């Protein structure tokens, strides 16, 4: 298997499906969406005696390293991640990957 990158984006709840659909159009083969709760925003709101839970969606996409860039750039655009407070995105290298045998079979 080629080198793999893991793209992780954390966005406001309710936005992940739209972002993932656009990522699939440029080459993402799938994604995992996990629900989470941010602490930075809620801590600031607690300071003003208001408590609103900051719900987040975490998008995880695995991509071959030589193909990840268009997916990464599309997520930034679709999620408007260059605007303050809309979310973050980062990549990490993947090693010891088990469970994606179908990708190997497709290449053969």
Protein backbone atom coordinates (compact mmCIF):
# COMPACT_ATOMS: atom_id res chain seq x y z
CA UNK A 1 0.00 0.00 0.00
CA UNK A 2 1.19 3.55 -0.75
CA UNK A 3 1.95 5.96 2.06
CA UNK A 4 -1.28 7.07 3.74
CA UNK A 5 -2.25 10.37 5.38
CA UNK A 6 -5.05 10.86 7.83
CA UNK A 7 -6.95 14.11 7.33
CA UNK A 8 -8.76 15.28 10.46
CA UNK A 9 -11.15 18.23 10.41
CA UNK A 10 -13.14 19.49 13.38
CA UNK A 11 -16.17 21.54 12.37
CA UNK A 12 -19.40 22.87 13.84
CA UNK A 13 -22.09 20.24 14.31
CA UNK A 14 -24.35 19.83 11.31
CA UNK A 15 -21.74 20.75 8.68
CA UNK A 16 -19.81 17.49 8.26
CA UNK A 17 -22.13 15.74 5.79
CA UNK A 18 -21.93 18.59 3.28
CA UNK A 19 -18.16 18.77 3.66
CA UNK A 20 -17.70 15.01 3.25
CA UNK A 21 -19.92 14.95 0.14
CA UNK A 22 -17.70 17.57 -1.49
CA UNK A 23 -14.56 15.69 -0.42
CA UNK A 24 -15.89 12.53 -2.08
CA UNK A 25 -16.35 14.41 -5.34
CA UNK A 26 -12.60 15.11 -5.45
CA UNK A 27 -11.40 11.64 -4.51
CA UNK A 28 -12.17 10.75 -0.89
CA UNK A 29 -13.31 7.14 -0.81
CA UNK A 30 -15.15 7.54 2.49
CA UNK A 31 -15.04 9.22 5.86
CA UNK A 32 -15.79 8.66 9.51
CA UNK A 33 -17.72 11.34 11.39
CA UNK A 34 -17.52 11.40 15.17
CA UNK A 35 -19.47 13.74 17.43
CA UNK A 36 -17.60 15.67 20.08
CA UNK A 37 -17.74 18.61 22.42
CA UNK A 38 -15.32 21.50 22.35
CA UNK A 39 -14.01 23.03 25.54
CA UNK A 40 -12.52 26.34 24.38
CA UNK A 41 -15.83 27.94 23.40
CA UNK A 42 -17.81 26.56 26.34
CA UNK A 43 -15.17 27.73 28.81
CA UNK A 44 -15.46 31.26 27.45
CA UNK A 45 -19.24 31.15 27.69
CA UNK A 46 -19.13 29.88 31.28
CA UNK A 47 -17.13 32.97 32.11
CA UNK A 48 -20.20 35.08 31.35
CA UNK A 49 -22.50 32.81 33.44
CA UNK A 50 -23.93 31.30 30.28
CA UNK A 51 -23.44 27.65 29.45
CA UNK A 52 -23.94 26.52 25.86
CA UNK A 53 -22.40 23.24 24.85
CA UNK A 54 -20.12 23.60 21.84
CA UNK A 55 -21.02 20.54 19.75
CA UNK A 56 -18.52 19.52 17.08
CA UNK A 57 -18.19 16.95 14.33
CA UNK A 58 -14.83 15.35 13.72
CA UNK A 59 -14.22 14.19 10.15
CA UNK A 60 -11.57 11.52 9.60
CA UNK A 61 -10.50 10.64 6.06
CA UNK A 62 -7.67 8.33 4.99
CA UNK A 63 -6.04 9.09 1.66
CA UNK A 64 -2.98 8.06 -0.27
CA UNK A 65 -0.33 10.70 0.36
CA UNK A 66 -0.01 11.60 -3.31
CA UNK A 67 -3.80 12.21 -3.59
CA UNK A 68 -4.71 13.90 -0.31
CA UNK A 69 -4.10 17.54 -1.30
CA UNK A 70 -7.28 18.05 -3.35
CA UNK A 71 -9.36 16.48 -0.56
CA UNK A 72 -7.64 18.66 2.06
CA UNK A 73 -8.13 21.86 0.02
CA UNK A 74 -11.77 21.01 -0.69
CA UNK A 75 -12.50 20.51 3.01
CA UNK A 76 -10.95 23.91 3.76
CA UNK A 77 -13.12 25.55 1.08
CA UNK A 78 -16.37 23.68 1.85
CA UNK A 79 -16.00 24.23 5.60
CA UNK A 80 -14.78 27.83 5.18
CA UNK A 81 -12.00 26.87 7.58
CA UNK A 82 -9.91 29.96 6.83
CA UNK A 83 -12.61 32.04 8.55
CA UNK A 84 -12.19 32.45 12.32
CA UNK A 85 -14.21 30.11 14.52
CA UNK A 86 -15.31 27.70 11.78
CA UNK A 87 -13.05 24.78 12.68
CA UNK A 88 -9.60 23.34 12.18
CA UNK A 89 -7.97 20.81 9.88
CA UNK A 90 -4.68 18.92 10.06
CA UNK A 91 -3.01 15.78 8.73
CA UNK A 92 -1.01 13.04 10.35
CA UNK A 93 0.99 10.22 8.75
CA UNK A 94 -0.43 6.72 9.13
CA UNK A 95 1.57 3.59 9.92
CA UNK A 96 0.63 0.05 10.92
CA UNK A 97 -2.65 0.24 8.95
CA UNK A 98 -4.88 -2.86 8.98
CA UNK A 99 -8.35 -3.21 7.51
CA UNK A 100 -8.29 -1.54 4.11
CA UNK A 101 -7.63 -4.64 2.02
CA UNK A 102 -10.19 -3.59 -0.59
CA UNK A 103 -7.89 -0.72 -1.64
CA UNK A 104 -5.06 -3.15 -2.39
CA UNK A 105 -7.38 -5.39 -4.39
CA UNK A 106 -8.67 -2.47 -6.48
CA UNK A 107 -5.11 -1.49 -7.52
CA UNK A 108 -4.25 -4.99 -8.77
